[in-house]
Amino acid sequence: MGSTAEDLKIQQDVVAALHSDVRLDTRNVNVSVVNGVAHLYGSVPTYVQKLVAGEDAERVKGVRGVINYLEVQLVKPVQDAEIALDVRGRLIRDSRIRDESAIHVVVTHGVVSLSGCVPTAEQERDAVEDAESIPGVVDVVDHLGVARPSS
């Protein structure tokens, strides 16, 4: 099925939104739109840029959904052990995280896995956000649980 005129207009708008965001390196980013769903392809140099590109595309009028196939192609590889130390350090320094020792961090090929239990959904989001911002991270897998309040 070919793209409609509406899809082509949305595609142009998504491309314009991505190119106008100074936080993004869009040299290797391609966009297609089918039935209002934006598909992002190619690569960006950081995980945060992958997330930002998806958020930018979601804000474009007419976009019904975003499928983010962007890959993180690091400019300079970072060792897993260094990423794990940086994530752990960020969690320790983050005043929003009450008990960072309850969060377990494992890094494999740049993919950060967070597990354990935190007291609130906000702390879960904060921990994921902390991990996403670390240089060298290519993805974050959230296996954190939220403790139920005791009655």
N, C-alpha and C. Protein backbone atom coordinates (compact mmCIF):
# COMPACT_ATOMS: atom_id res chain seq x y z
N MET A 1 0.84 -1.18 0.00
CA MET A 1 0.00 0.00 0.00
C MET A 1 0.88 1.24 0.00
N GLY A 2 0.64 2.16 -0.90
CA GLY A 2 1.44 3.37 -1.01
C GLY A 2 1.06 4.40 0.03
N SER A 3 1.90 5.41 0.16
CA SER A 3 1.62 6.48 1.10
C SER A 3 0.58 7.42 0.52
N THR A 4 -0.27 7.91 1.37
CA THR A 4 -1.27 8.88 0.96
C THR A 4 -0.66 10.28 1.02
N ALA A 5 -1.37 11.24 0.43
CA ALA A 5 -0.92 12.63 0.49
C ALA A 5 -0.82 13.09 1.95
N GLU A 6 -1.76 12.64 2.79
CA GLU A 6 -1.72 13.00 4.21
C GLU A 6 -0.47 12.42 4.89
N ASP A 7 -0.15 11.16 4.56
CA ASP A 7 1.06 10.55 5.13
C ASP A 7 2.31 11.29 4.69
N LEU A 8 2.36 11.71 3.43
CA LEU A 8 3.53 12.44 2.93
C LEU A 8 3.68 13.78 3.64
N LYS A 9 2.56 14.46 3.90
CA LYS A 9 2.60 15.73 4.63
C LYS A 9 3.08 15.50 6.06
N ILE A 10 2.58 14.47 6.71
CA ILE A 10 3.02 14.15 8.08
C ILE A 10 4.51 13.82 8.07
N GLN A 11 4.95 13.05 7.08
CA GLN A 11 6.38 12.70 6.98
C GLN A 11 7.23 13.96 6.88
N GLN A 12 6.84 14.90 6.04
CA GLN A 12 7.57 16.16 5.91
C GLN A 12 7.60 16.91 7.23
N ASP A 13 6.48 16.91 7.94
CA ASP A 13 6.42 17.61 9.23
C ASP A 13 7.29 16.94 10.29
N VAL A 14 7.33 15.60 10.29
CA VAL A 14 8.19 14.89 11.24
C VAL A 14 9.65 15.18 10.93
N VAL A 15 10.03 15.11 9.66
CA VAL A 15 11.41 15.40 9.28
C VAL A 15 11.78 16.82 9.70
N ALA A 16 10.89 17.76 9.47
CA ALA A 16 11.16 19.15 9.85
C ALA A 16 11.32 19.27 11.37
N ALA A 17 10.47 18.59 12.12
CA ALA A 17 10.56 18.64 13.59
C ALA A 17 11.89 18.07 14.07
N LEU A 18 12.32 16.95 13.48
CA LEU A 18 13.59 16.35 13.89
C LEU A 18 14.76 17.25 13.55
N HIS A 19 14.75 17.81 12.34
CA HIS A 19 15.85 18.66 11.90
C HIS A 19 15.93 19.97 12.69
N SER A 20 14.80 20.43 13.22
CA SER A 20 14.81 21.69 13.96
C SER A 20 15.21 21.52 15.43
N ASP A 21 15.30 20.28 15.90
CA ASP A 21 15.68 20.04 17.30
C ASP A 21 17.20 20.02 17.39
N VAL A 22 17.76 21.04 18.03
CA VAL A 22 19.21 21.16 18.11
C VAL A 22 19.87 20.06 18.94
N ARG A 23 19.07 19.30 19.68
CA ARG A 23 19.62 18.21 20.48
C ARG A 23 19.92 16.97 19.65
N LEU A 24 19.47 16.96 18.40
CA LEU A 24 19.57 15.75 17.57
C LEU A 24 20.59 15.89 16.46
N ASP A 25 21.31 14.79 16.23
CA ASP A 25 22.16 14.63 15.05
C ASP A 25 21.34 13.76 14.09
N THR A 26 20.74 14.37 13.09
CA THR A 26 19.81 13.67 12.21
C THR A 26 20.44 13.23 10.89
N ARG A 27 21.76 13.29 10.79
CA ARG A 27 22.42 12.92 9.52
C ARG A 27 22.07 11.51 9.07
N ASN A 28 21.84 10.60 10.00
CA ASN A 28 21.58 9.20 9.65
C ASN A 28 20.17 8.77 10.04
N VAL A 29 19.24 9.72 10.05
CA VAL A 29 17.86 9.41 10.45
C VAL A 29 16.96 9.51 9.22
N ASN A 30 16.13 8.49 9.03
CA ASN A 30 15.14 8.47 7.95
C ASN A 30 13.76 8.26 8.56
N VAL A 31 12.75 8.80 7.88
CA VAL A 31 11.38 8.74 8.37
C VAL A 31 10.46 8.26 7.25
N SER A 32 9.56 7.36 7.60
CA SER A 32 8.46 7.02 6.71
C SER A 32 7.19 7.06 7.53
N VAL A 33 6.07 7.32 6.87
CA VAL A 33 4.78 7.38 7.56
C VAL A 33 3.78 6.54 6.77
N VAL A 34 3.14 5.64 7.46
CA VAL A 34 2.11 4.79 6.86
C VAL A 34 0.88 4.83 7.77
N ASN A 35 -0.24 5.25 7.21
CA ASN A 35 -1.49 5.35 7.97
C ASN A 35 -1.33 6.17 9.25
N GLY A 36 -0.54 7.23 9.18
CA GLY A 36 -0.35 8.11 10.32
C GLY A 36 0.67 7.65 11.34
N VAL A 37 1.27 6.46 11.11
CA VAL A 37 2.27 5.95 12.04
C VAL A 37 3.66 6.28 11.49
N ALA A 38 4.44 7.02 12.27
CA ALA A 38 5.79 7.41 11.86
C ALA A 38 6.76 6.30 12.23
N HIS A 39 7.58 5.91 11.26
CA HIS A 39 8.62 4.91 11.45
C HIS A 39 9.96 5.62 11.36
N LEU A 40 10.76 5.54 12.43
CA LEU A 40 12.07 6.18 12.45
C LEU A 40 13.13 5.11 12.22
N TYR A 41 14.01 5.33 11.24
CA TYR A 41 15.05 4.37 10.88
C TYR A 41 16.41 5.06 10.91
N GLY A 42 17.46 4.27 10.99
CA GLY A 42 18.81 4.80 10.92
C GLY A 42 19.49 4.74 12.26
N SER A 43 20.34 5.75 12.53
CA SER A 43 21.11 5.71 13.78
C SER A 43 21.33 7.12 14.32
N VAL A 44 21.54 7.16 15.62
CA VAL A 44 21.89 8.38 16.35
C VAL A 44 23.04 8.02 17.30
N PRO A 45 23.82 9.03 17.74
CA PRO A 45 25.00 8.72 18.55
C PRO A 45 24.74 8.47 20.04
N THR A 46 23.52 8.75 20.55
CA THR A 46 23.26 8.51 21.97
C THR A 46 21.84 7.98 22.16
N TYR A 47 21.64 7.29 23.27
CA TYR A 47 20.32 6.77 23.60
C TYR A 47 19.33 7.90 23.85
N VAL A 48 19.80 8.96 24.48
CA VAL A 48 18.92 10.10 24.75
C VAL A 48 18.40 10.67 23.43
N GLN A 49 19.25 10.74 22.40
CA GLN A 49 18.80 11.24 21.11
C GLN A 49 17.74 10.33 20.50
N LYS A 50 17.86 9.03 20.70
CA LYS A 50 16.83 8.10 20.22
C LYS A 50 15.49 8.43 20.88
N LEU A 51 15.52 8.64 22.19
CA LEU A 51 14.29 8.96 22.91
C LEU A 51 13.71 10.31 22.48
N VAL A 52 14.57 11.31 22.33
CA VAL A 52 14.13 12.64 21.92
C VAL A 52 13.50 12.60 20.54
N ALA A 53 14.10 11.85 19.61
CA ALA A 53 13.56 11.75 18.26
C ALA A 53 12.14 11.17 18.29
N GLY A 54 11.95 10.14 19.10
CA GLY A 54 10.62 9.55 19.22
C GLY A 54 9.62 10.53 19.81
N GLU A 55 10.04 11.28 20.83
CA GLU A 55 9.15 12.27 21.45
C GLU A 55 8.81 13.38 20.47
N ASP A 56 9.80 13.85 19.71
CA ASP A 56 9.55 14.89 18.72
C ASP A 56 8.53 14.42 17.69
N ALA A 57 8.69 13.20 17.21
CA ALA A 57 7.78 12.65 16.20
C ALA A 57 6.37 12.53 16.76
N GLU A 58 6.24 12.13 18.03
CA GLU A 58 4.92 11.97 18.65
C GLU A 58 4.15 13.29 18.72
N ARG A 59 4.87 14.41 18.82
CA ARG A 59 4.23 15.72 18.96
C ARG A 59 3.74 16.32 17.64
N VAL A 60 4.08 15.69 16.53
CA VAL A 60 3.67 16.23 15.24
C VAL A 60 2.18 15.96 15.01
N LYS A 61 1.48 16.99 14.60
CA LYS A 61 0.04 16.88 14.34
C LYS A 61 -0.20 15.82 13.26
N GLY A 62 -1.14 14.92 13.54
CA GLY A 62 -1.50 13.88 12.59
C GLY A 62 -0.82 12.54 12.86
N VAL A 63 0.23 12.55 13.67
CA VAL A 63 0.93 11.30 13.99
C VAL A 63 0.08 10.49 14.96
N ARG A 64 -0.25 9.27 14.56
CA ARG A 64 -1.08 8.40 15.40
C ARG A 64 -0.24 7.47 16.28
N GLY A 65 1.01 7.33 15.91
CA GLY A 65 1.91 6.47 16.67
C GLY A 65 3.31 6.58 16.10
N VAL A 66 4.28 6.11 16.87
CA VAL A 66 5.67 6.15 16.43
C VAL A 66 6.29 4.78 16.68
N ILE A 67 6.95 4.27 15.67
CA ILE A 67 7.75 3.05 15.83
C ILE A 67 9.19 3.47 15.65
N ASN A 68 9.94 3.39 16.73
CA ASN A 68 11.31 3.91 16.76
C ASN A 68 12.31 2.78 16.56
N TYR A 69 12.77 2.64 15.32
CA TYR A 69 13.76 1.62 14.97
C TYR A 69 15.18 2.19 15.02
N LEU A 70 15.34 3.41 15.50
CA LEU A 70 16.68 4.01 15.53
C LEU A 70 17.63 3.17 16.37
N GLU A 71 18.84 3.02 15.86
CA GLU A 71 19.88 2.32 16.60
C GLU A 71 20.86 3.34 17.15
N VAL A 72 21.45 3.01 18.28
CA VAL A 72 22.47 3.87 18.87
C VAL A 72 23.82 3.41 18.35
N GLN A 73 24.49 4.29 17.62
CA GLN A 73 25.83 4.02 17.11
C GLN A 73 26.78 4.95 17.85
N LEU A 74 27.41 4.41 18.89
CA LEU A 74 28.26 5.24 19.74
C LEU A 74 29.45 5.78 18.96
N VAL A 75 29.77 7.05 19.19
CA VAL A 75 30.94 7.65 18.57
C VAL A 75 32.20 7.03 19.15
N LYS A 76 32.19 6.83 20.47
CA LYS A 76 33.32 6.22 21.17
C LYS A 76 32.77 5.15 22.09
N PRO A 77 33.15 3.90 21.89
CA PRO A 77 32.62 2.83 22.75
C PRO A 77 32.99 3.05 24.22
N VAL A 78 32.08 2.67 25.09
CA VAL A 78 32.30 2.77 26.53
C VAL A 78 32.16 1.36 27.09
N GLN A 79 33.08 0.99 27.97
CA GLN A 79 33.07 -0.34 28.57
C GLN A 79 31.85 -0.50 29.49
N ASP A 80 31.31 -1.72 29.50
CA ASP A 80 30.14 -2.01 30.34
C ASP A 80 30.39 -1.69 31.81
N ALA A 81 31.58 -2.02 32.30
CA ALA A 81 31.89 -1.76 33.72
C ALA A 81 31.85 -0.27 34.03
N GLU A 82 32.33 0.55 33.09
CA GLU A 82 32.32 2.01 33.28
C GLU A 82 30.88 2.53 33.28
N ILE A 83 30.05 2.00 32.37
CA ILE A 83 28.64 2.40 32.33
C ILE A 83 27.96 2.04 33.65
N ALA A 84 28.21 0.82 34.14
CA ALA A 84 27.59 0.38 35.39
C ALA A 84 28.00 1.29 36.55
N LEU A 85 29.27 1.65 36.62
CA LEU A 85 29.74 2.55 37.68
C LEU A 85 29.07 3.92 37.56
N ASP A 86 28.95 4.42 36.33
CA ASP A 86 28.32 5.72 36.13
C ASP A 86 26.84 5.70 36.50
N VAL A 87 26.14 4.62 36.14
CA VAL A 87 24.72 4.50 36.51
C VAL A 87 24.59 4.46 38.03
N ARG A 88 25.40 3.61 38.66
CA ARG A 88 25.37 3.50 40.12
C ARG A 88 25.65 4.85 40.77
N GLY A 89 26.65 5.57 40.27
CA GLY A 89 26.98 6.89 40.81
C GLY A 89 25.84 7.87 40.66
N ARG A 90 25.18 7.84 39.50
CA ARG A 90 24.04 8.74 39.27
C ARG A 90 22.91 8.43 40.23
N LEU A 91 22.65 7.14 40.47
CA LEU A 91 21.59 6.74 41.40
C LEU A 91 21.91 7.21 42.82
N ILE A 92 23.17 7.08 43.20
CA ILE A 92 23.60 7.49 44.55
C ILE A 92 23.41 9.00 44.73
N ARG A 93 23.75 9.78 43.70
CA ARG A 93 23.67 11.24 43.80
C ARG A 93 22.26 11.79 43.63
N ASP A 94 21.34 10.98 43.13
CA ASP A 94 19.99 11.46 42.84
C ASP A 94 19.17 11.49 44.13
N SER A 95 18.83 12.69 44.58
CA SER A 95 18.09 12.84 45.84
C SER A 95 16.66 12.30 45.73
N ARG A 96 16.18 12.06 44.51
CA ARG A 96 14.82 11.53 44.33
C ARG A 96 14.77 10.03 44.65
N ILE A 97 15.92 9.36 44.63
CA ILE A 97 15.99 7.91 44.89
C ILE A 97 16.30 7.73 46.37
N ARG A 98 15.37 7.13 47.10
CA ARG A 98 15.54 7.00 48.56
C ARG A 98 16.55 5.93 48.95
N ASP A 99 16.52 4.78 48.28
CA ASP A 99 17.42 3.68 48.66
C ASP A 99 18.01 3.07 47.39
N GLU A 100 19.08 3.70 46.91
CA GLU A 100 19.68 3.24 45.66
C GLU A 100 20.26 1.83 45.76
N SER A 101 20.55 1.37 46.98
CA SER A 101 21.10 0.02 47.14
C SER A 101 20.06 -1.06 46.80
N ALA A 102 18.78 -0.69 46.74
CA ALA A 102 17.72 -1.64 46.38
C ALA A 102 17.62 -1.83 44.86
N ILE A 103 18.38 -1.03 44.11
CA ILE A 103 18.35 -1.11 42.65
C ILE A 103 19.61 -1.83 42.17
N HIS A 104 19.42 -2.92 41.44
CA HIS A 104 20.53 -3.69 40.91
C HIS A 104 20.77 -3.28 39.46
N VAL A 105 22.03 -3.05 39.12
CA VAL A 105 22.40 -2.58 37.79
C VAL A 105 23.29 -3.61 37.13
N VAL A 106 22.89 -4.06 35.94
CA VAL A 106 23.70 -4.97 35.13
C VAL A 106 23.79 -4.37 33.73
N VAL A 107 25.00 -4.34 33.17
CA VAL A 107 25.19 -3.78 31.83
C VAL A 107 25.84 -4.83 30.94
N THR A 108 25.21 -5.07 29.79
CA THR A 108 25.73 -6.01 28.81
C THR A 108 25.68 -5.36 27.44
N HIS A 109 26.85 -5.15 26.84
CA HIS A 109 26.96 -4.53 25.52
C HIS A 109 26.23 -3.19 25.46
N GLY A 110 26.34 -2.41 26.53
CA GLY A 110 25.72 -1.09 26.58
C GLY A 110 24.26 -1.07 26.99
N VAL A 111 23.65 -2.25 27.14
CA VAL A 111 22.25 -2.32 27.55
C VAL A 111 22.20 -2.41 29.08
N VAL A 112 21.57 -1.42 29.70
CA VAL A 112 21.46 -1.36 31.15
C VAL A 112 20.17 -2.05 31.58
N SER A 113 20.29 -3.02 32.49
CA SER A 113 19.12 -3.67 33.08
C SER A 113 19.03 -3.24 34.54
N LEU A 114 17.88 -2.70 34.88
CA LEU A 114 17.63 -2.29 36.27
C LEU A 114 16.63 -3.25 36.88
N SER A 115 16.96 -3.77 38.07
CA SER A 115 16.03 -4.66 38.76
C SER A 115 16.05 -4.32 40.24
N GLY A 116 15.11 -4.88 40.95
CA GLY A 116 14.97 -4.60 42.37
C GLY A 116 13.60 -4.01 42.63
N CYS A 117 13.47 -3.36 43.78
CA CYS A 117 12.16 -2.83 44.17
C CYS A 117 12.34 -1.43 44.72
N VAL A 118 11.50 -0.52 44.26
CA VAL A 118 11.50 0.86 44.73
C VAL A 118 10.12 1.17 45.32
N PRO A 119 10.03 2.18 46.20
CA PRO A 119 8.77 2.43 46.88
C PRO A 119 7.67 3.09 46.03
N THR A 120 8.05 3.79 44.95
CA THR A 120 7.02 4.49 44.16
C THR A 120 7.31 4.39 42.67
N ALA A 121 6.26 4.58 41.88
CA ALA A 121 6.41 4.61 40.42
C ALA A 121 7.28 5.79 39.99
N GLU A 122 7.23 6.88 40.73
CA GLU A 122 8.06 8.04 40.42
C GLU A 122 9.54 7.70 40.54
N GLN A 123 9.89 6.97 41.61
CA GLN A 123 11.29 6.58 41.77
C GLN A 123 11.73 5.60 40.68
N GLU A 124 10.81 4.77 40.23
CA GLU A 124 11.12 3.87 39.12
C GLU A 124 11.44 4.70 37.87
N ARG A 125 10.61 5.67 37.54
CA ARG A 125 10.85 6.53 36.38
C ARG A 125 12.15 7.31 36.54
N ASP A 126 12.41 7.80 37.76
CA ASP A 126 13.63 8.57 38.01
C ASP A 126 14.87 7.71 37.79
N ALA A 127 14.84 6.47 38.26
CA ALA A 127 15.98 5.56 38.09
C ALA A 127 16.23 5.26 36.62
N VAL A 128 15.16 5.02 35.87
CA VAL A 128 15.29 4.76 34.43
C VAL A 128 15.86 6.00 33.74
N GLU A 129 15.34 7.16 34.10
CA GLU A 129 15.84 8.42 33.53
C GLU A 129 17.33 8.60 33.82
N ASP A 130 17.74 8.29 35.03
CA ASP A 130 19.16 8.38 35.39
C ASP A 130 20.00 7.49 34.48
N ALA A 131 19.56 6.26 34.27
CA ALA A 131 20.32 5.32 33.44
C ALA A 131 20.35 5.78 31.98
N GLU A 132 19.24 6.30 31.48
CA GLU A 132 19.16 6.73 30.08
C GLU A 132 20.16 7.82 29.76
N SER A 133 20.49 8.63 30.73
CA SER A 133 21.33 9.81 30.49
C SER A 133 22.83 9.52 30.51
N ILE A 134 23.22 8.29 30.80
CA ILE A 134 24.64 7.96 30.93
C ILE A 134 25.27 7.73 29.55
N PRO A 135 26.40 8.37 29.26
CA PRO A 135 27.08 8.13 27.98
C PRO A 135 27.44 6.65 27.81
N GLY A 136 27.23 6.14 26.61
CA GLY A 136 27.55 4.75 26.31
C GLY A 136 26.35 3.82 26.38
N VAL A 137 25.27 4.27 26.99
CA VAL A 137 24.06 3.45 27.10
C VAL A 137 23.38 3.38 25.74
N VAL A 138 23.04 2.16 25.31
CA VAL A 138 22.34 1.99 24.04
C VAL A 138 20.88 1.61 24.23
N ASP A 139 20.53 1.14 25.44
CA ASP A 139 19.14 0.82 25.76
C ASP A 139 19.03 0.63 27.26
N VAL A 140 17.82 0.77 27.79
CA VAL A 140 17.56 0.54 29.22
C VAL A 140 16.38 -0.41 29.33
N VAL A 141 16.59 -1.49 30.09
CA VAL A 141 15.53 -2.47 30.33
C VAL A 141 15.11 -2.32 31.79
N ASP A 142 13.84 -2.02 31.98
CA ASP A 142 13.31 -1.74 33.32
C ASP A 142 12.61 -2.98 33.87
N HIS A 143 13.28 -3.63 34.84
CA HIS A 143 12.69 -4.76 35.56
C HIS A 143 12.41 -4.38 37.01
N LEU A 144 12.33 -3.08 37.29
CA LEU A 144 12.08 -2.62 38.65
C LEU A 144 10.64 -2.88 39.04
N GLY A 145 10.47 -3.27 40.27
CA GLY A 145 9.13 -3.43 40.83
C GLY A 145 8.85 -2.28 41.77
N VAL A 146 7.58 -2.00 41.95
CA VAL A 146 7.17 -0.96 42.88
C VAL A 146 6.51 -1.63 44.07
N ALA A 147 7.03 -1.34 45.26
CA ALA A 147 6.52 -1.95 46.48
C ALA A 147 5.09 -1.51 46.74
N ARG A 148 4.28 -2.42 47.18
CA ARG A 148 2.92 -2.07 47.57
C ARG A 148 2.95 -1.47 48.96
N PRO A 149 2.18 -0.42 49.16
CA PRO A 149 2.14 0.16 50.50
C PRO A 149 1.58 -0.84 51.52
N SER A 150 2.20 -0.86 52.69
CA SER A 150 1.70 -1.77 53.73
C SER A 150 0.43 -1.19 54.33
N SER A 151 -0.50 -2.08 54.63
CA SER A 151 -1.79 -1.61 55.15
C SER A 151 -1.89 -1.73 56.64
